[in-house]
Amino acid sequence: MTKKSQVQSLSGLTFFRAYPSYTRYWIANTISRMGDSIDSIAVMWMVLELTGSTLLMGTVMLCNMLPNILLGPFAGVLADRFNRKKLMIFSD
Protein backbone atom coordinates (compact mmCIF):
# COMPACT_ATOMS: atom_id res chain seq x y z
CA MET A 1 0.00 0.00 0.00
CA THR A 2 1.06 3.53 -0.60
CA LYS A 3 0.40 6.42 1.69
CA LYS A 4 -1.45 9.37 0.29
CA SER A 5 0.41 12.58 0.87
CA GLN A 6 -1.63 15.25 2.51
CA VAL A 7 -1.40 18.62 0.85
CA GLN A 8 -2.25 21.54 3.06
CA SER A 9 -4.39 24.05 1.24
CA LEU A 10 -3.47 27.62 2.04
CA SER A 11 -5.85 30.30 0.96
CA GLY A 12 -6.04 34.05 1.19
CA LEU A 13 -4.04 35.71 3.92
CA THR A 14 -2.90 32.38 5.36
CA PHE A 15 -0.72 31.84 2.30
CA PHE A 16 0.88 35.27 2.59
CA ARG A 17 1.54 34.80 6.31
CA ALA A 18 3.14 31.43 5.65
CA TYR A 19 5.54 32.83 3.02
CA PRO A 20 6.65 36.37 3.99
CA SER A 21 9.46 36.47 1.40
CA TYR A 22 7.02 35.71 -1.39
CA THR A 23 4.61 38.29 0.03
CA ARG A 24 7.27 41.00 -0.18
CA TYR A 25 8.13 39.91 -3.73
CA TRP A 26 4.45 39.91 -4.74
CA ILE A 27 3.84 43.40 -3.31
CA ALA A 28 6.98 44.80 -4.95
CA ASN A 29 6.10 43.20 -8.28
CA THR A 30 2.55 44.58 -8.13
CA ILE A 31 3.82 48.10 -7.43
CA SER A 32 6.40 47.78 -10.21
CA ARG A 33 3.81 46.62 -12.75
CA MET A 34 1.48 49.46 -11.78
CA GLY A 35 4.33 51.92 -12.28
CA ASP A 36 5.19 50.42 -15.67
CA SER A 37 1.55 50.69 -16.76
CA ILE A 38 1.28 54.30 -15.62
CA ASP A 39 4.53 55.09 -17.44
CA SER A 40 3.26 53.54 -20.69
CA ILE A 41 -0.02 55.43 -20.48
CA ALA A 42 1.76 58.70 -19.70
CA VAL A 43 4.15 58.35 -22.65
CA MET A 44 1.34 57.52 -25.08
CA TRP A 45 -0.75 60.39 -23.75
CA MET A 46 2.19 62.78 -24.10
CA VAL A 47 2.73 61.69 -27.72
CA LEU A 48 -0.97 62.21 -28.44
CA GLU A 49 -0.97 65.66 -26.80
CA LEU A 50 2.21 66.83 -28.55
CA THR A 51 1.45 65.49 -32.01
CA GLY A 52 -2.30 64.87 -32.08
CA SER A 53 -1.57 61.71 -34.06
CA THR A 54 -3.10 58.42 -33.01
CA LEU A 55 -0.81 56.70 -35.52
CA LEU A 56 2.28 57.92 -33.68
CA MET A 57 0.68 56.95 -30.38
CA GLY A 58 0.15 53.42 -31.71
CA THR A 59 3.72 53.33 -32.99
CA VAL A 60 5.02 54.24 -29.54
CA MET A 61 2.86 51.50 -28.04
CA LEU A 62 4.22 48.99 -30.57
CA CYS A 63 7.80 50.00 -29.79
CA ASN A 64 7.04 49.56 -26.10
CA MET A 65 5.68 46.03 -26.66
CA LEU A 66 8.15 44.89 -29.32
CA PRO A 67 10.94 43.68 -26.98
CA ASN A 68 8.47 41.44 -25.13
CA ILE A 69 7.11 40.04 -28.37
CA LEU A 70 10.54 39.37 -29.88
CA LEU A 71 12.46 38.26 -26.79
CA GLY A 72 9.66 36.52 -24.88
CA PRO A 73 10.03 33.14 -26.57
CA PHE A 74 13.74 33.02 -25.69
CA ALA A 75 13.31 34.02 -22.03
CA GLY A 76 12.91 30.43 -20.84
CA VAL A 77 16.07 29.33 -22.60
CA LEU A 78 18.02 32.22 -21.10
CA ALA A 79 16.68 31.44 -17.63
CA ASP A 80 17.88 27.84 -17.97
CA ARG A 81 21.35 28.69 -19.25
CA PHE A 82 22.40 31.69 -17.15
CA ASN A 83 22.51 32.62 -13.49
CA ARG A 84 18.90 33.51 -12.68
CA LYS A 85 19.76 36.13 -10.08
CA LYS A 86 22.03 38.04 -12.46
CA LEU A 87 19.49 37.64 -15.28
CA MET A 88 16.70 39.14 -13.13
CA ILE A 89 18.89 42.07 -12.12
CA PHE A 90 19.92 42.69 -15.74
CA SER A 91 16.39 42.40 -17.12
CA ASP A 92 14.90 44.86 -14.65
PDB file of N, CA and C in Angstrom:
ATOM      1  N   MET A   1       0.828  -1.186   0.000  1.00  0.00           N
ATOM      2  CA  MET A   1       0.000   0.000   0.000  1.00  0.00           C
ATOM      3  C   MET A   1       0.869   1.244   0.000  1.00  0.00           C
ATOM      4  N   THR A   2       0.344   2.256  -0.600  1.00  0.00           N
ATOM      5  CA  THR A   2       1.056   3.528  -0.604  1.00  0.00           C
ATOM      6  C   THR A   2       0.288   4.530   0.230  1.00  0.00           C
ATOM      7  N   LYS A   3       1.022   5.359   0.893  1.00  0.00           N
ATOM      8  CA  LYS A   3       0.396   6.416   1.689  1.00  0.00           C
ATOM      9  C   LYS A   3       0.072   7.590   0.785  1.00  0.00           C
ATOM     10  N   LYS A   4      -1.085   8.154   1.020  1.00  0.00           N
ATOM     11  CA  LYS A   4      -1.446   9.366   0.286  1.00  0.00           C
ATOM     12  C   LYS A   4      -0.827  10.553   1.012  1.00  0.00           C
ATOM     13  N   SER A   5      -0.169  11.394   0.252  1.00  0.00           N
ATOM     14  CA  SER A   5       0.410  12.582   0.868  1.00  0.00           C
ATOM     15  C   SER A   5      -0.678  13.624   1.063  1.00  0.00           C
ATOM     16  N   GLN A   6      -0.641  14.223   2.209  1.00  0.00           N
ATOM     17  CA  GLN A   6      -1.629  15.251   2.509  1.00  0.00           C
ATOM     18  C   GLN A   6      -1.060  16.601   2.104  1.00  0.00           C
ATOM     19  N   VAL A   7      -1.804  17.301   1.306  1.00  0.00           N
ATOM     20  CA  VAL A   7      -1.400  18.623   0.854  1.00  0.00           C
ATOM     21  C   VAL A   7      -2.235  19.638   1.606  1.00  0.00           C
ATOM     22  N   GLN A   8      -1.543  20.517   2.302  1.00  0.00           N
ATOM     23  CA  GLN A   8      -2.253  21.541   3.058  1.00  0.00           C
ATOM     24  C   GLN A   8      -2.642  22.662   2.109  1.00  0.00           C
ATOM     25  N   SER A   9      -3.895  22.991   2.115  1.00  0.00           N
ATOM     26  CA  SER A   9      -4.390  24.048   1.243  1.00  0.00           C
ATOM     27  C   SER A   9      -4.337  25.376   1.984  1.00  0.00           C
ATOM     28  N   LEU A  10      -3.557  26.285   1.453  1.00  0.00           N
ATOM     29  CA  LEU A  10      -3.467  27.619   2.038  1.00  0.00           C
ATOM     30  C   LEU A  10      -4.232  28.578   1.154  1.00  0.00           C
ATOM     31  N   SER A  11      -5.067  29.354   1.762  1.00  0.00           N
ATOM     32  CA  SER A  11      -5.845  30.296   0.964  1.00  0.00           C
ATOM     33  C   SER A  11      -5.791  31.677   1.589  1.00  0.00           C
ATOM     34  N   GLY A  12      -5.945  32.669   0.731  1.00  0.00           N
ATOM     35  CA  GLY A  12      -6.044  34.053   1.194  1.00  0.00           C
ATOM     36  C   GLY A  12      -4.840  34.511   1.980  1.00  0.00           C
ATOM     37  N   LEU A  13      -5.104  35.136   3.104  1.00  0.00           N
ATOM     38  CA  LEU A  13      -4.037  35.707   3.923  1.00  0.00           C
ATOM     39  C   LEU A  13      -3.167  34.648   4.576  1.00  0.00           C
ATOM     40  N   THR A  14      -3.689  33.448   4.759  1.00  0.00           N
ATOM     41  CA  THR A  14      -2.899  32.376   5.357  1.00  0.00           C
ATOM     42  C   THR A  14      -1.668  32.080   4.505  1.00  0.00           C
ATOM     43  N   PHE A  15      -1.833  32.082   3.211  1.00  0.00           N
ATOM     44  CA  PHE A  15      -0.716  31.836   2.300  1.00  0.00           C
ATOM     45  C   PHE A  15       0.343  32.920   2.451  1.00  0.00           C
ATOM     46  N   PHE A  16      -0.082  34.176   2.499  1.00  0.00           N
ATOM     47  CA  PHE A  16       0.877  35.274   2.589  1.00  0.00           C
ATOM     48  C   PHE A  16       1.583  35.297   3.938  1.00  0.00           C
ATOM     49  N   ARG A  17       0.894  34.883   4.994  1.00  0.00           N
ATOM     50  CA  ARG A  17       1.539  34.803   6.306  1.00  0.00           C
ATOM     51  C   ARG A  17       2.546  33.661   6.353  1.00  0.00           C
ATOM     52  N   ALA A  18       2.251  32.598   5.644  1.00  0.00           N
ATOM     53  CA  ALA A  18       3.142  31.434   5.654  1.00  0.00           C
ATOM     54  C   ALA A  18       4.429  31.685   4.875  1.00  0.00           C
ATOM     55  N   TYR A  19       4.378  32.559   3.877  1.00  0.00           N
ATOM     56  CA  TYR A  19       5.544  32.830   3.025  1.00  0.00           C
ATOM     57  C   TYR A  19       5.811  34.333   2.948  1.00  0.00           C
ATOM     58  N   PRO A  20       6.438  34.909   3.979  1.00  0.00           N
ATOM     59  CA  PRO A  20       6.651  36.367   3.985  1.00  0.00           C
ATOM     60  C   PRO A  20       7.590  36.855   2.880  1.00  0.00           C
ATOM     61  N   SER A  21       8.561  36.050   2.483  1.00  0.00           N
ATOM     62  CA  SER A  21       9.458  36.475   1.400  1.00  0.00           C
ATOM     63  C   SER A  21       8.694  36.608   0.091  1.00  0.00           C
ATOM     64  N   TYR A  22       7.825  35.637  -0.179  1.00  0.00           N
ATOM     65  CA  TYR A  22       7.017  35.713  -1.392  1.00  0.00           C
ATOM     66  C   TYR A  22       6.050  36.887  -1.320  1.00  0.00           C
ATOM     67  N   THR A  23       5.531  37.157  -0.136  1.00  0.00           N
ATOM     68  CA  THR A  23       4.610  38.287   0.033  1.00  0.00           C
ATOM     69  C   THR A  23       5.295  39.595  -0.331  1.00  0.00           C
ATOM     70  N   ARG A  24       6.519  39.778   0.155  1.00  0.00           N
ATOM     71  CA  ARG A  24       7.266  41.000  -0.181  1.00  0.00           C
ATOM     72  C   ARG A  24       7.537  41.078  -1.682  1.00  0.00           C
ATOM     73  N   TYR A  25       7.904  39.952  -2.285  1.00  0.00           N
ATOM     74  CA  TYR A  25       8.130  39.912  -3.729  1.00  0.00           C
ATOM     75  C   TYR A  25       6.850  40.260  -4.486  1.00  0.00           C
ATOM     76  N   TRP A  26       5.726  39.688  -4.073  1.00  0.00           N
ATOM     77  CA  TRP A  26       4.446  39.913  -4.744  1.00  0.00           C
ATOM     78  C   TRP A  26       4.035  41.382  -4.653  1.00  0.00           C
ATOM     79  N   ILE A  27       4.192  41.983  -3.485  1.00  0.00           N
ATOM     80  CA  ILE A  27       3.842  43.398  -3.311  1.00  0.00           C
ATOM     81  C   ILE A  27       4.746  44.276  -4.176  1.00  0.00           C
ATOM     82  N   ALA A  28       6.047  44.009  -4.145  1.00  0.00           N
ATOM     83  CA  ALA A  28       6.985  44.800  -4.948  1.00  0.00           C
ATOM     84  C   ALA A  28       6.704  44.647  -6.434  1.00  0.00           C
ATOM     85  N   ASN A  29       6.398  43.447  -6.874  1.00  0.00           N
ATOM     86  CA  ASN A  29       6.100  43.205  -8.282  1.00  0.00           C
ATOM     87  C   ASN A  29       4.812  43.908  -8.695  1.00  0.00           C
ATOM     88  N   THR A  30       3.814  43.890  -7.832  1.00  0.00           N
ATOM     89  CA  THR A  30       2.553  44.575  -8.126  1.00  0.00           C
ATOM     90  C   THR A  30       2.773  46.075  -8.271  1.00  0.00           C
ATOM     91  N   ILE A  31       3.528  46.664  -7.364  1.00  0.00           N
ATOM     92  CA  ILE A  31       3.822  48.100  -7.431  1.00  0.00           C
ATOM     93  C   ILE A  31       4.627  48.416  -8.692  1.00  0.00           C
ATOM     94  N   SER A  32       5.591  47.560  -9.009  1.00  0.00           N
ATOM     95  CA  SER A  32       6.402  47.777 -10.209  1.00  0.00           C
ATOM     96  C   SER A  32       5.560  47.717 -11.474  1.00  0.00           C
ATOM     97  N   ARG A  33       4.667  46.739 -11.558  1.00  0.00           N
ATOM     98  CA  ARG A  33       3.808  46.624 -12.747  1.00  0.00           C
ATOM     99  C   ARG A  33       2.855  47.808 -12.867  1.00  0.00           C
ATOM    100  N   MET A  34       2.349  48.283 -11.739  1.00  0.00           N
ATOM    101  CA  MET A  34       1.482  49.465 -11.781  1.00  0.00           C
ATOM    102  C   MET A  34       2.262  50.670 -12.299  1.00  0.00           C
ATOM    103  N   GLY A  35       3.496  50.822 -11.822  1.00  0.00           N
ATOM    104  CA  GLY A  35       4.333  51.917 -12.284  1.00  0.00           C
ATOM    105  C   GLY A  35       4.648  51.821 -13.764  1.00  0.00           C
ATOM    106  N   ASP A  36       4.932  50.613 -14.236  1.00  0.00           N
ATOM    107  CA  ASP A  36       5.189  50.417 -15.667  1.00  0.00           C
ATOM    108  C   ASP A  36       3.965  50.770 -16.503  1.00  0.00           C
ATOM    109  N   SER A  37       2.786  50.384 -16.022  1.00  0.00           N
ATOM    110  CA  SER A  37       1.551  50.693 -16.756  1.00  0.00           C
ATOM    111  C   SER A  37       1.291  52.190 -16.795  1.00  0.00           C
ATOM    112  N   ILE A  38       1.485  52.853 -15.670  1.00  0.00           N
ATOM    113  CA  ILE A  38       1.284  54.304 -15.621  1.00  0.00           C
ATOM    114  C   ILE A  38       2.273  55.003 -16.541  1.00  0.00           C
ATOM    115  N   ASP A  39       3.517  54.522 -16.559  1.00  0.00           N
ATOM    116  CA  ASP A  39       4.531  55.093 -17.443  1.00  0.00           C
ATOM    117  C   ASP A  39       4.132  54.942 -18.907  1.00  0.00           C
ATOM    118  N   SER A  40       3.668  53.762 -19.295  1.00  0.00           N
ATOM    119  CA  SER A  40       3.257  53.537 -20.687  1.00  0.00           C
ATOM    120  C   SER A  40       2.100  54.446 -21.080  1.00  0.00           C
ATOM    121  N   ILE A  41       1.127  54.561 -20.199  1.00  0.00           N
ATOM    122  CA  ILE A  41      -0.021  55.428 -20.481  1.00  0.00           C
ATOM    123  C   ILE A  41       0.419  56.879 -20.590  1.00  0.00           C
ATOM    124  N   ALA A  42       1.301  57.309 -19.684  1.00  0.00           N
ATOM    125  CA  ALA A  42       1.758  58.698 -19.701  1.00  0.00           C
ATOM    126  C   ALA A  42       2.530  59.024 -20.983  1.00  0.00           C
ATOM    127  N   VAL A  43       3.376  58.106 -21.422  1.00  0.00           N
ATOM    128  CA  VAL A  43       4.151  58.347 -22.648  1.00  0.00           C
ATOM    129  C   VAL A  43       3.232  58.423 -23.858  1.00  0.00           C
ATOM    130  N   MET A  44       2.273  57.491 -23.943  1.00  0.00           N
ATOM    131  CA  MET A  44       1.343  57.522 -25.083  1.00  0.00           C
ATOM    132  C   MET A  44       0.480  58.784 -25.056  1.00  0.00           C
ATOM    133  N   TRP A  45       0.054  59.179 -23.876  1.00  0.00           N
ATOM    134  CA  TRP A  45      -0.754  60.393 -23.746  1.00  0.00           C
ATOM    135  C   TRP A  45       0.059  61.621 -24.160  1.00  0.00           C
ATOM    136  N   MET A  46       1.334  61.658 -23.736  1.00  0.00           N
ATOM    137  CA  MET A  46       2.194  62.780 -24.099  1.00  0.00           C
ATOM    138  C   MET A  46       2.371  62.858 -25.619  1.00  0.00           C
ATOM    139  N   VAL A  47       2.583  61.714 -26.262  1.00  0.00           N
ATOM    140  CA  VAL A  47       2.726  61.692 -27.723  1.00  0.00           C
ATOM    141  C   VAL A  47       1.450  62.197 -28.378  1.00  0.00           C
ATOM    142  N   LEU A  48       0.303  61.770 -27.878  1.00  0.00           N
ATOM    143  CA  LEU A  48      -0.970  62.213 -28.440  1.00  0.00           C
ATOM    144  C   LEU A  48      -1.165  63.714 -28.242  1.00  0.00           C
ATOM    145  N   GLU A  49      -0.818  64.226 -27.066  1.00  0.00           N
ATOM    146  CA  GLU A  49      -0.972  65.659 -26.795  1.00  0.00           C
ATOM    147  C   GLU A  49      -0.015  66.502 -27.636  1.00  0.00           C
ATOM    148  N   LEU A  50       1.220  66.044 -27.806  1.00  0.00           N
ATOM    149  CA  LEU A  50       2.210  66.828 -28.548  1.00  0.00           C
ATOM    150  C   LEU A  50       1.990  66.783 -30.056  1.00  0.00           C
ATOM    151  N   THR A  51       1.565  65.628 -30.561  1.00  0.00           N
ATOM    152  CA  THR A  51       1.447  65.490 -32.014  1.00  0.00           C
ATOM    153  C   THR A  51       0.006  65.447 -32.505  1.00  0.00           C
ATOM    154  N   GLY A  52      -0.912  65.021 -31.660  1.00  0.00           N
ATOM    155  CA  GLY A  52      -2.300  64.870 -32.076  1.00  0.00           C
ATOM    156  C   GLY A  52      -2.511  63.681 -32.995  1.00  0.00           C
ATOM    157  N   SER A  53      -1.514  62.837 -33.130  1.00  0.00           N
ATOM    158  CA  SER A  53      -1.574  61.711 -34.060  1.00  0.00           C
ATOM    159  C   SER A  53      -1.774  60.397 -33.305  1.00  0.00           C
ATOM    160  N   THR A  54      -2.887  59.735 -33.609  1.00  0.00           N
ATOM    161  CA  THR A  54      -3.101  58.419 -33.011  1.00  0.00           C
ATOM    162  C   THR A  54      -2.179  57.376 -33.640  1.00  0.00           C
ATOM    163  N   LEU A  55      -1.745  57.613 -34.873  1.00  0.00           N
ATOM    164  CA  LEU A  55      -0.808  56.701 -35.523  1.00  0.00           C
ATOM    165  C   LEU A  55       0.527  56.683 -34.781  1.00  0.00           C
ATOM    166  N   LEU A  56       1.029  57.863 -34.436  1.00  0.00           N
ATOM    167  CA  LEU A  56       2.282  57.923 -33.676  1.00  0.00           C
ATOM    168  C   LEU A  56       2.108  57.324 -32.288  1.00  0.00           C
ATOM    169  N   MET A  57       0.941  57.531 -31.684  1.00  0.00           N
ATOM    170  CA  MET A  57       0.678  56.949 -30.375  1.00  0.00           C
ATOM    171  C   MET A  57       0.714  55.421 -30.466  1.00  0.00           C
ATOM    172  N   GLY A  58       0.114  54.861 -31.503  1.00  0.00           N
ATOM    173  CA  GLY A  58       0.154  53.418 -31.707  1.00  0.00           C
ATOM    174  C   GLY A  58       1.549  52.911 -31.988  1.00  0.00           C
ATOM    175  N   THR A  59       2.337  53.709 -32.707  1.00  0.00           N
ATOM    176  CA  THR A  59       3.721  53.333 -32.995  1.00  0.00           C
ATOM    177  C   THR A  59       4.538  53.274 -31.710  1.00  0.00           C
ATOM    178  N   VAL A  60       4.320  54.241 -30.828  1.00  0.00           N
ATOM    179  CA  VAL A  60       5.015  54.239 -29.538  1.00  0.00           C
ATOM    180  C   VAL A  60       4.611  53.011 -28.727  1.00  0.00           C
ATOM    181  N   MET A  61       3.330  52.676 -28.759  1.00  0.00           N
ATOM    182  CA  MET A  61       2.857  51.500 -28.038  1.00  0.00           C
ATOM    183  C   MET A  61       3.484  50.222 -28.610  1.00  0.00           C
ATOM    184  N   LEU A  62       3.585  50.142 -29.927  1.00  0.00           N
ATOM    185  CA  LEU A  62       4.217  48.989 -30.568  1.00  0.00           C
ATOM    186  C   LEU A  62       5.684  48.880 -30.166  1.00  0.00           C
ATOM    187  N   CYS A  63       6.388  50.005 -30.181  1.00  0.00           N
ATOM    188  CA  CYS A  63       7.803  50.003 -29.793  1.00  0.00           C
ATOM    189  C   CYS A  63       7.975  49.600 -28.330  1.00  0.00           C
ATOM    190  N   ASN A  64       6.997  49.931 -27.510  1.00  0.00           N
ATOM    191  CA  ASN A  64       7.039  49.559 -26.099  1.00  0.00           C
ATOM    192  C   ASN A  64       6.826  48.055 -25.926  1.00  0.00           C
ATOM    193  N   MET A  65       5.999  47.446 -26.772  1.00  0.00           N
ATOM    194  CA  MET A  65       5.682  46.027 -26.656  1.00  0.00           C
ATOM    195  C   MET A  65       6.625  45.127 -27.449  1.00  0.00           C
ATOM    196  N   LEU A  66       7.320  45.677 -28.415  1.00  0.00           N
ATOM    197  CA  LEU A  66       8.150  44.888 -29.324  1.00  0.00           C
ATOM    198  C   LEU A  66       9.213  44.028 -28.629  1.00  0.00           C
ATOM    199  N   PRO A  67       9.948  44.546 -27.645  1.00  0.00           N
ATOM    200  CA  PRO A  67      10.938  43.678 -26.982  1.00  0.00           C
ATOM    201  C   PRO A  67      10.309  42.444 -26.342  1.00  0.00           C
ATOM    202  N   ASN A  68       9.137  42.597 -25.730  1.00  0.00           N
ATOM    203  CA  ASN A  68       8.472  41.440 -25.126  1.00  0.00           C
ATOM    204  C   ASN A  68       8.049  40.431 -26.178  1.00  0.00           C
ATOM    205  N   ILE A  69       7.565  40.932 -27.300  1.00  0.00           N
ATOM    206  CA  ILE A  69       7.113  40.041 -28.371  1.00  0.00           C
ATOM    207  C   ILE A  69       8.292  39.290 -28.986  1.00  0.00           C
ATOM    208  N   LEU A  70       9.393  39.992 -29.220  1.00  0.00           N
ATOM    209  CA  LEU A  70      10.544  39.371 -29.884  1.00  0.00           C
ATOM    210  C   LEU A  70      11.386  38.512 -28.948  1.00  0.00           C
ATOM    211  N   LEU A  71      11.570  38.961 -27.709  1.00  0.00           N
ATOM    212  CA  LEU A  71      12.463  38.255 -26.794  1.00  0.00           C
ATOM    213  C   LEU A  71      11.748  37.281 -25.872  1.00  0.00           C
ATOM    214  N   GLY A  72      10.432  37.386 -25.774  1.00  0.00           N
ATOM    215  CA  GLY A  72       9.664  36.523 -24.883  1.00  0.00           C
ATOM    216  C   GLY A  72       9.874  35.034 -25.103  1.00  0.00           C
ATOM    217  N   PRO A  73       9.847  34.574 -26.350  1.00  0.00           N
ATOM    218  CA  PRO A  73      10.033  33.135 -26.571  1.00  0.00           C
ATOM    219  C   PRO A  73      11.402  32.602 -26.131  1.00  0.00           C
ATOM    220  N   PHE A  74      12.394  33.456 -26.061  1.00  0.00           N
ATOM    221  CA  PHE A  74      13.735  33.024 -25.688  1.00  0.00           C
ATOM    222  C   PHE A  74      14.013  33.171 -24.194  1.00  0.00           C
ATOM    223  N   ALA A  75      13.088  33.757 -23.449  1.00  0.00           N
ATOM    224  CA  ALA A  75      13.306  34.021 -22.029  1.00  0.00           C
ATOM    225  C   ALA A  75      13.512  32.734 -21.239  1.00  0.00           C
ATOM    226  N   GLY A  76      12.755  31.699 -21.551  1.00  0.00           N
ATOM    227  CA  GLY A  76      12.911  30.430 -20.842  1.00  0.00           C
ATOM    228  C   GLY A  76      14.273  29.802 -21.066  1.00  0.00           C
ATOM    229  N   VAL A  77      14.752  29.879 -22.284  1.00  0.00           N
ATOM    230  CA  VAL A  77      16.073  29.326 -22.602  1.00  0.00           C
ATOM    231  C   VAL A  77      17.153  30.096 -21.851  1.00  0.00           C
ATOM    232  N   LEU A  78      17.037  31.414 -21.829  1.00  0.00           N
ATOM    233  CA  LEU A  78      18.016  32.224 -21.104  1.00  0.00           C
ATOM    234  C   LEU A  78      17.994  31.912 -19.613  1.00  0.00           C
ATOM    235  N   ALA A  79      16.800  31.737 -19.057  1.00  0.00           N
ATOM    236  CA  ALA A  79      16.676  31.437 -17.629  1.00  0.00           C
ATOM    237  C   ALA A  79      17.313  30.095 -17.289  1.00  0.00           C
ATOM    238  N   ASP A  80      17.276  29.154 -18.214  1.00  0.00           N
ATOM    239  CA  ASP A  80      17.876  27.843 -17.970  1.00  0.00           C
ATOM    240  C   ASP A  80      19.391  27.854 -18.120  1.00  0.00           C
ATOM    241  N   ARG A  81      19.919  28.725 -18.949  1.00  0.00           N
ATOM    242  CA  ARG A  81      21.352  28.689 -19.255  1.00  0.00           C
ATOM    243  C   ARG A  81      22.204  29.633 -18.419  1.00  0.00           C
ATOM    244  N   PHE A  82      21.608  30.689 -17.867  1.00  0.00           N
ATOM    245  CA  PHE A  82      22.396  31.686 -17.147  1.00  0.00           C
ATOM    246  C   PHE A  82      21.978  31.755 -15.685  1.00  0.00           C
ATOM    247  N   ASN A  83      22.804  32.413 -14.898  1.00  0.00           N
ATOM    248  CA  ASN A  83      22.512  32.623 -13.486  1.00  0.00           C
ATOM    249  C   ASN A  83      21.228  33.437 -13.364  1.00  0.00           C
ATOM    250  N   ARG A  84      20.218  32.877 -12.729  1.00  0.00           N
ATOM    251  CA  ARG A  84      18.898  33.513 -12.680  1.00  0.00           C
ATOM    252  C   ARG A  84      18.916  34.833 -11.922  1.00  0.00           C
ATOM    253  N   LYS A  85      19.708  34.899 -10.863  1.00  0.00           N
ATOM    254  CA  LYS A  85      19.759  36.134 -10.079  1.00  0.00           C
ATOM    255  C   LYS A  85      20.329  37.272 -10.928  1.00  0.00           C
ATOM    256  N   LYS A  86      21.426  37.014 -11.614  1.00  0.00           N
ATOM    257  CA  LYS A  86      22.027  38.040 -12.464  1.00  0.00           C
ATOM    258  C   LYS A  86      21.106  38.398 -13.625  1.00  0.00           C
ATOM    259  N   LEU A  87      20.415  37.407 -14.165  1.00  0.00           N
ATOM    260  CA  LEU A  87      19.489  37.641 -15.275  1.00  0.00           C
ATOM    261  C   LEU A  87      18.319  38.526 -14.846  1.00  0.00           C
ATOM    262  N   MET A  88      17.793  38.300 -13.636  1.00  0.00           N
ATOM    263  CA  MET A  88      16.699  39.137 -13.131  1.00  0.00           C
ATOM    264  C   MET A  88      17.160  40.568 -12.894  1.00  0.00           C
ATOM    265  N   ILE A  89      18.360  40.723 -12.357  1.00  0.00           N
ATOM    266  CA  ILE A  89      18.889  42.067 -12.119  1.00  0.00           C
ATOM    267  C   ILE A  89      19.107  42.784 -13.446  1.00  0.00           C
ATOM    268  N   PHE A  90      19.665  42.098 -14.427  1.00  0.00           N
ATOM    269  CA  PHE A  90      19.917  42.694 -15.735  1.00  0.00           C
ATOM    270  C   PHE A  90      18.624  43.050 -16.455  1.00  0.00           C
ATOM    271  N   SER A  91      17.628  42.173 -16.370  1.00  0.00           N
ATOM    272  CA  SER A  91      16.390  42.399 -17.120  1.00  0.00           C
ATOM    273  C   SER A  91      15.515  43.486 -16.523  1.00  0.00           C
ATOM    274  N   ASP A  92      15.715  43.814 -15.267  1.00  0.00           N
ATOM    275  CA  ASP A  92      14.898  44.858 -14.655  1.00  0.00           C
ATOM    276  C   ASP A  92      15.503  46.193 -14.988  1.00  0.00           C
TER     277      ASP A  92
END
